[in-house]
Amino acid sequence: MESAKWAGCIDSVGGEMLARILGQLKYGASAAAIGNAGGVAVPANIIPFLLRGVNLLGIDSVMRPYDERMAAWARIAKDMPKEALEEMTETILLDDLPEAGQKILKGQIKGRLIVDVENS
């Protein structure tokens, strides 16, 4: 196992990717699980939780009241530096989705992919 290096993360893949991330978190770090594209089973052990106090947080973005979701998006828009957003996003075409999906499941994508459906 790699030495812990991440202070926190948001995981939208789940499955094996979430298990890998949990093993790479620093002491006291938190992982927010927001998706399950990689599956709902997390093949992990409890070592990160016991030895490093890692927190796993489940995020429910579907059933949260509308006003709370809008407040969260407003805060992100206000607090997140635009440069950081630009650095973590890449635009792809619709035809690129199958390859991008495979890369996501292999942990080869960092940040966000924006799918340009108008120019695909």
N, C-alpha and C. Protein backbone atom coordinates (compact mmCIF):
# COMPACT_ATOMS: atom_id res chain seq x y z
N MET A 1 0.84 -1.17 0.00
CA MET A 1 0.00 0.00 0.00
C MET A 1 0.89 1.24 0.00
N GLU A 2 0.54 2.24 -0.85
CA GLU A 2 1.27 3.49 -0.88
C GLU A 2 1.13 4.20 0.45
N SER A 3 2.12 5.04 0.75
CA SER A 3 1.98 5.83 1.98
C SER A 3 0.87 6.85 1.79
N ALA A 4 0.20 7.19 2.86
CA ALA A 4 -0.92 8.12 2.81
C ALA A 4 -0.43 9.49 2.32
N LYS A 5 -1.21 10.09 1.40
CA LYS A 5 -0.78 11.37 0.86
C LYS A 5 -1.91 12.37 0.68
N TRP A 6 -3.14 11.97 0.66
CA TRP A 6 -4.24 12.89 0.38
C TRP A 6 -4.87 13.40 1.66
N ALA A 7 -5.11 14.71 1.72
CA ALA A 7 -5.72 15.32 2.90
C ALA A 7 -7.24 15.18 2.88
N GLY A 8 -7.80 14.82 1.76
CA GLY A 8 -9.24 14.64 1.61
C GLY A 8 -9.58 14.48 0.15
N CYS A 9 -10.78 13.99 -0.13
CA CYS A 9 -11.15 13.81 -1.52
C CYS A 9 -12.66 13.70 -1.67
N ILE A 10 -13.10 13.88 -2.89
CA ILE A 10 -14.48 13.62 -3.27
C ILE A 10 -14.42 12.53 -4.33
N ASP A 11 -15.06 11.41 -4.06
CA ASP A 11 -15.03 10.27 -4.99
C ASP A 11 -16.39 10.09 -5.63
N SER A 12 -16.43 10.15 -6.95
CA SER A 12 -17.68 9.94 -7.68
C SER A 12 -17.74 8.58 -8.35
N VAL A 13 -16.73 7.75 -8.14
CA VAL A 13 -16.66 6.46 -8.81
C VAL A 13 -17.14 5.32 -7.92
N GLY A 14 -16.67 5.28 -6.67
CA GLY A 14 -17.03 4.19 -5.78
C GLY A 14 -16.25 2.93 -6.09
N GLY A 15 -16.73 1.79 -5.60
CA GLY A 15 -16.12 0.50 -5.89
C GLY A 15 -14.65 0.43 -5.53
N GLU A 16 -13.86 -0.17 -6.42
CA GLU A 16 -12.43 -0.35 -6.19
C GLU A 16 -11.70 0.98 -6.07
N MET A 17 -12.14 1.98 -6.82
CA MET A 17 -11.49 3.29 -6.76
C MET A 17 -11.63 3.89 -5.36
N LEU A 18 -12.80 3.81 -4.77
CA LEU A 18 -13.00 4.33 -3.42
C LEU A 18 -12.13 3.58 -2.43
N ALA A 19 -12.03 2.27 -2.58
CA ALA A 19 -11.17 1.47 -1.68
C ALA A 19 -9.72 1.93 -1.79
N ARG A 20 -9.26 2.18 -3.00
CA ARG A 20 -7.88 2.63 -3.21
C ARG A 20 -7.66 4.00 -2.56
N ILE A 21 -8.61 4.90 -2.76
CA ILE A 21 -8.50 6.25 -2.20
C ILE A 21 -8.43 6.21 -0.67
N LEU A 22 -9.27 5.40 -0.06
CA LEU A 22 -9.28 5.30 1.41
C LEU A 22 -7.90 4.93 1.95
N GLY A 23 -7.21 4.07 1.23
CA GLY A 23 -5.88 3.65 1.65
C GLY A 23 -4.81 4.70 1.44
N GLN A 24 -5.13 5.78 0.72
CA GLN A 24 -4.14 6.82 0.43
C GLN A 24 -4.40 8.13 1.18
N LEU A 25 -5.36 8.12 2.07
CA LEU A 25 -5.69 9.34 2.80
C LEU A 25 -4.79 9.52 4.02
N LYS A 26 -4.45 10.78 4.31
CA LYS A 26 -3.65 11.12 5.48
C LYS A 26 -4.46 10.94 6.76
N TYR A 27 -3.78 10.99 7.87
CA TYR A 27 -4.41 10.87 9.18
C TYR A 27 -5.51 11.92 9.34
N GLY A 28 -6.69 11.48 9.76
CA GLY A 28 -7.80 12.38 10.02
C GLY A 28 -8.51 12.92 8.79
N ALA A 29 -8.13 12.47 7.61
CA ALA A 29 -8.73 12.97 6.37
C ALA A 29 -10.14 12.41 6.17
N SER A 30 -10.87 13.04 5.26
CA SER A 30 -12.23 12.60 4.95
C SER A 30 -12.37 12.35 3.46
N ALA A 31 -13.16 11.36 3.12
CA ALA A 31 -13.52 11.08 1.74
C ALA A 31 -15.04 11.21 1.63
N ALA A 32 -15.49 12.01 0.68
CA ALA A 32 -16.93 12.17 0.43
C ALA A 32 -17.28 11.30 -0.76
N ALA A 33 -18.12 10.30 -0.55
CA ALA A 33 -18.55 9.40 -1.63
C ALA A 33 -19.84 9.96 -2.22
N ILE A 34 -19.79 10.30 -3.52
CA ILE A 34 -20.96 10.92 -4.15
C ILE A 34 -21.49 10.13 -5.34
N GLY A 35 -20.90 8.99 -5.64
CA GLY A 35 -21.37 8.23 -6.79
C GLY A 35 -20.97 6.77 -6.72
N ASN A 36 -21.47 5.99 -7.66
CA ASN A 36 -21.16 4.56 -7.65
C ASN A 36 -20.99 4.01 -9.06
N ALA A 37 -20.38 4.80 -9.96
CA ALA A 37 -20.15 4.35 -11.33
C ALA A 37 -19.29 3.09 -11.38
N GLY A 38 -18.41 2.93 -10.41
CA GLY A 38 -17.52 1.77 -10.36
C GLY A 38 -18.10 0.60 -9.58
N GLY A 39 -19.31 0.74 -9.09
CA GLY A 39 -19.96 -0.32 -8.35
C GLY A 39 -20.26 0.08 -6.92
N VAL A 40 -21.13 -0.67 -6.29
CA VAL A 40 -21.54 -0.36 -4.92
C VAL A 40 -20.73 -1.14 -3.89
N ALA A 41 -20.04 -2.18 -4.29
CA ALA A 41 -19.20 -2.94 -3.36
C ALA A 41 -17.86 -2.24 -3.23
N VAL A 42 -17.41 -2.03 -1.99
CA VAL A 42 -16.12 -1.39 -1.73
C VAL A 42 -15.19 -2.44 -1.11
N PRO A 43 -14.29 -3.00 -1.92
CA PRO A 43 -13.40 -4.05 -1.42
C PRO A 43 -12.24 -3.47 -0.61
N ALA A 44 -12.55 -2.99 0.58
CA ALA A 44 -11.55 -2.34 1.42
C ALA A 44 -11.49 -3.00 2.78
N ASN A 45 -10.45 -2.66 3.55
CA ASN A 45 -10.37 -3.12 4.93
C ASN A 45 -10.52 -1.93 5.86
N ILE A 46 -10.51 -2.17 7.15
CA ILE A 46 -10.77 -1.10 8.11
C ILE A 46 -9.51 -0.40 8.60
N ILE A 47 -8.36 -0.77 8.08
CA ILE A 47 -7.10 -0.18 8.54
C ILE A 47 -7.09 1.35 8.45
N PRO A 48 -7.51 1.97 7.31
CA PRO A 48 -7.49 3.43 7.28
C PRO A 48 -8.34 4.07 8.38
N PHE A 49 -9.43 3.41 8.74
CA PHE A 49 -10.31 3.96 9.76
C PHE A 49 -9.71 3.80 11.16
N LEU A 50 -9.09 2.66 11.41
CA LEU A 50 -8.54 2.37 12.74
C LEU A 50 -7.20 3.04 12.99
N LEU A 51 -6.31 3.00 12.01
CA LEU A 51 -4.96 3.50 12.24
C LEU A 51 -4.76 4.97 11.89
N ARG A 52 -5.61 5.50 10.99
CA ARG A 52 -5.43 6.89 10.58
C ARG A 52 -6.66 7.76 10.80
N GLY A 53 -7.70 7.22 11.41
CA GLY A 53 -8.89 8.01 11.71
C GLY A 53 -9.57 8.60 10.49
N VAL A 54 -9.53 7.87 9.38
CA VAL A 54 -10.15 8.34 8.14
C VAL A 54 -11.67 8.34 8.28
N ASN A 55 -12.31 9.32 7.70
CA ASN A 55 -13.77 9.45 7.71
C ASN A 55 -14.33 9.19 6.31
N LEU A 56 -15.37 8.40 6.22
CA LEU A 56 -16.07 8.19 4.96
C LEU A 56 -17.44 8.83 5.08
N LEU A 57 -17.71 9.81 4.24
CA LEU A 57 -18.95 10.57 4.29
C LEU A 57 -19.79 10.26 3.06
N GLY A 58 -21.02 9.88 3.27
CA GLY A 58 -21.94 9.68 2.16
C GLY A 58 -22.68 10.98 1.88
N ILE A 59 -22.73 11.37 0.63
CA ILE A 59 -23.38 12.63 0.26
C ILE A 59 -24.64 12.32 -0.53
N ASP A 60 -25.77 12.81 -0.05
CA ASP A 60 -27.05 12.63 -0.72
C ASP A 60 -27.41 13.92 -1.44
N SER A 61 -27.15 13.97 -2.73
CA SER A 61 -27.47 15.18 -3.49
C SER A 61 -28.84 15.09 -4.15
N VAL A 62 -29.50 13.97 -4.03
CA VAL A 62 -30.79 13.78 -4.70
C VAL A 62 -31.95 14.21 -3.81
N MET A 63 -31.95 13.78 -2.56
CA MET A 63 -33.08 14.04 -1.68
C MET A 63 -32.90 15.29 -0.80
N ARG A 64 -31.75 15.96 -0.89
CA ARG A 64 -31.55 17.20 -0.13
C ARG A 64 -32.59 18.21 -0.58
N PRO A 65 -33.13 18.98 0.31
CA PRO A 65 -34.09 20.01 -0.10
C PRO A 65 -33.46 20.97 -1.11
N TYR A 66 -34.26 21.43 -2.03
CA TYR A 66 -33.81 22.30 -3.12
C TYR A 66 -33.05 23.52 -2.60
N ASP A 67 -33.56 24.18 -1.57
CA ASP A 67 -32.91 25.40 -1.08
C ASP A 67 -31.52 25.10 -0.51
N GLU A 68 -31.33 23.93 0.09
CA GLU A 68 -30.01 23.56 0.60
C GLU A 68 -29.04 23.29 -0.54
N ARG A 69 -29.52 22.64 -1.61
CA ARG A 69 -28.66 22.40 -2.77
C ARG A 69 -28.26 23.72 -3.42
N MET A 70 -29.20 24.64 -3.54
CA MET A 70 -28.90 25.94 -4.15
C MET A 70 -27.89 26.72 -3.30
N ALA A 71 -28.02 26.64 -1.97
CA ALA A 71 -27.08 27.31 -1.08
C ALA A 71 -25.67 26.72 -1.23
N ALA A 72 -25.59 25.40 -1.37
CA ALA A 72 -24.29 24.75 -1.56
C ALA A 72 -23.65 25.18 -2.87
N TRP A 73 -24.43 25.21 -3.95
CA TRP A 73 -23.89 25.63 -5.25
C TRP A 73 -23.47 27.09 -5.21
N ALA A 74 -24.23 27.94 -4.52
CA ALA A 74 -23.88 29.35 -4.41
C ALA A 74 -22.56 29.52 -3.66
N ARG A 75 -22.37 28.71 -2.62
CA ARG A 75 -21.12 28.82 -1.86
C ARG A 75 -19.93 28.36 -2.69
N ILE A 76 -20.11 27.28 -3.43
CA ILE A 76 -19.03 26.82 -4.31
C ILE A 76 -18.68 27.90 -5.32
N ALA A 77 -19.70 28.51 -5.93
CA ALA A 77 -19.47 29.56 -6.93
C ALA A 77 -18.73 30.75 -6.32
N LYS A 78 -19.01 31.05 -5.05
CA LYS A 78 -18.37 32.19 -4.39
C LYS A 78 -16.96 31.86 -3.91
N ASP A 79 -16.78 30.68 -3.31
CA ASP A 79 -15.53 30.36 -2.63
C ASP A 79 -14.46 29.72 -3.52
N MET A 80 -14.87 29.03 -4.58
CA MET A 80 -13.89 28.30 -5.38
C MET A 80 -13.20 29.23 -6.37
N PRO A 81 -11.88 29.30 -6.33
CA PRO A 81 -11.16 30.13 -7.29
C PRO A 81 -11.39 29.62 -8.72
N LYS A 82 -11.70 30.52 -9.62
CA LYS A 82 -11.98 30.14 -11.02
C LYS A 82 -10.79 29.43 -11.65
N GLU A 83 -9.56 29.83 -11.28
CA GLU A 83 -8.37 29.18 -11.84
C GLU A 83 -8.32 27.71 -11.45
N ALA A 84 -8.71 27.41 -10.22
CA ALA A 84 -8.71 26.01 -9.76
C ALA A 84 -9.69 25.19 -10.57
N LEU A 85 -10.85 25.75 -10.85
CA LEU A 85 -11.85 25.05 -11.64
C LEU A 85 -11.35 24.77 -13.05
N GLU A 86 -10.69 25.76 -13.65
CA GLU A 86 -10.15 25.59 -15.00
C GLU A 86 -9.07 24.50 -15.03
N GLU A 87 -8.26 24.43 -13.98
CA GLU A 87 -7.18 23.44 -13.93
C GLU A 87 -7.70 22.02 -13.77
N MET A 88 -8.89 21.86 -13.18
CA MET A 88 -9.39 20.51 -12.91
C MET A 88 -10.45 20.04 -13.89
N THR A 89 -10.68 20.78 -14.98
CA THR A 89 -11.69 20.37 -15.94
C THR A 89 -11.09 20.17 -17.32
N GLU A 90 -11.68 19.25 -18.05
CA GLU A 90 -11.29 18.97 -19.43
C GLU A 90 -12.57 18.73 -20.22
N THR A 91 -12.66 19.31 -21.40
CA THR A 91 -13.83 19.13 -22.25
C THR A 91 -13.56 18.02 -23.25
N ILE A 92 -14.51 17.09 -23.35
CA ILE A 92 -14.40 15.99 -24.31
C ILE A 92 -15.66 15.97 -25.16
N LEU A 93 -15.60 15.22 -26.25
CA LEU A 93 -16.76 15.04 -27.13
C LEU A 93 -17.54 13.81 -26.72
N LEU A 94 -18.78 13.73 -27.14
CA LEU A 94 -19.64 12.60 -26.82
C LEU A 94 -19.01 11.28 -27.28
N ASP A 95 -18.36 11.30 -28.43
CA ASP A 95 -17.71 10.09 -28.95
C ASP A 95 -16.56 9.61 -28.06
N ASP A 96 -16.03 10.51 -27.23
CA ASP A 96 -14.91 10.16 -26.35
C ASP A 96 -15.36 9.49 -25.05
N LEU A 97 -16.68 9.44 -24.81
CA LEU A 97 -17.18 8.93 -23.53
C LEU A 97 -16.79 7.48 -23.22
N PRO A 98 -16.88 6.53 -24.16
CA PRO A 98 -16.50 5.15 -23.80
C PRO A 98 -15.06 5.04 -23.29
N GLU A 99 -14.13 5.69 -23.97
CA GLU A 99 -12.74 5.67 -23.54
C GLU A 99 -12.56 6.39 -22.21
N ALA A 100 -13.23 7.53 -22.06
CA ALA A 100 -13.14 8.30 -20.81
C ALA A 100 -13.69 7.49 -19.64
N GLY A 101 -14.80 6.78 -19.86
CA GLY A 101 -15.37 5.95 -18.80
C GLY A 101 -14.40 4.88 -18.33
N GLN A 102 -13.71 4.25 -19.27
CA GLN A 102 -12.71 3.24 -18.90
C GLN A 102 -11.56 3.86 -18.11
N LYS A 103 -11.13 5.05 -18.52
CA LYS A 103 -10.05 5.73 -17.80
C LYS A 103 -10.48 6.10 -16.38
N ILE A 104 -11.72 6.53 -16.23
CA ILE A 104 -12.24 6.87 -14.90
C ILE A 104 -12.18 5.63 -14.00
N LEU A 105 -12.67 4.51 -14.51
CA LEU A 105 -12.69 3.29 -13.70
C LEU A 105 -11.30 2.78 -13.37
N LYS A 106 -10.30 3.12 -14.18
CA LYS A 106 -8.91 2.72 -13.92
C LYS A 106 -8.17 3.75 -13.07
N GLY A 107 -8.84 4.83 -12.69
CA GLY A 107 -8.20 5.85 -11.88
C GLY A 107 -7.25 6.74 -12.66
N GLN A 108 -7.44 6.85 -13.97
CA GLN A 108 -6.53 7.62 -14.80
C GLN A 108 -7.02 9.04 -15.08
N ILE A 109 -8.14 9.42 -14.51
CA ILE A 109 -8.70 10.76 -14.71
C ILE A 109 -8.71 11.49 -13.38
N LYS A 110 -8.22 12.70 -13.38
CA LYS A 110 -8.30 13.55 -12.19
C LYS A 110 -9.13 14.76 -12.57
N GLY A 111 -9.97 15.20 -11.67
CA GLY A 111 -10.79 16.37 -11.95
C GLY A 111 -12.11 15.99 -12.59
N ARG A 112 -12.61 16.88 -13.43
CA ARG A 112 -13.92 16.72 -14.05
C ARG A 112 -13.82 16.73 -15.56
N LEU A 113 -14.67 15.94 -16.17
CA LEU A 113 -14.81 15.96 -17.63
C LEU A 113 -16.12 16.62 -17.98
N ILE A 114 -16.07 17.54 -18.91
CA ILE A 114 -17.27 18.19 -19.42
C ILE A 114 -17.52 17.63 -20.80
N VAL A 115 -18.72 17.09 -21.02
CA VAL A 115 -19.04 16.49 -22.31
C VAL A 115 -19.73 17.54 -23.19
N ASP A 116 -19.09 17.87 -24.29
CA ASP A 116 -19.63 18.84 -25.25
C ASP A 116 -20.55 18.11 -26.20
N VAL A 117 -21.84 18.15 -25.93
CA VAL A 117 -22.80 17.43 -26.77
C VAL A 117 -23.18 18.21 -28.02
N GLU A 118 -22.97 19.51 -28.02
CA GLU A 118 -23.32 20.32 -29.18
C GLU A 118 -22.37 20.14 -30.35
N ASN A 119 -21.10 19.91 -30.06
CA ASN A 119 -20.10 19.78 -31.12
C ASN A 119 -19.70 18.32 -31.36
N SER A 120 -20.44 17.39 -30.82
CA SER A 120 -20.10 15.97 -30.97
C SER A 120 -20.65 15.41 -32.27
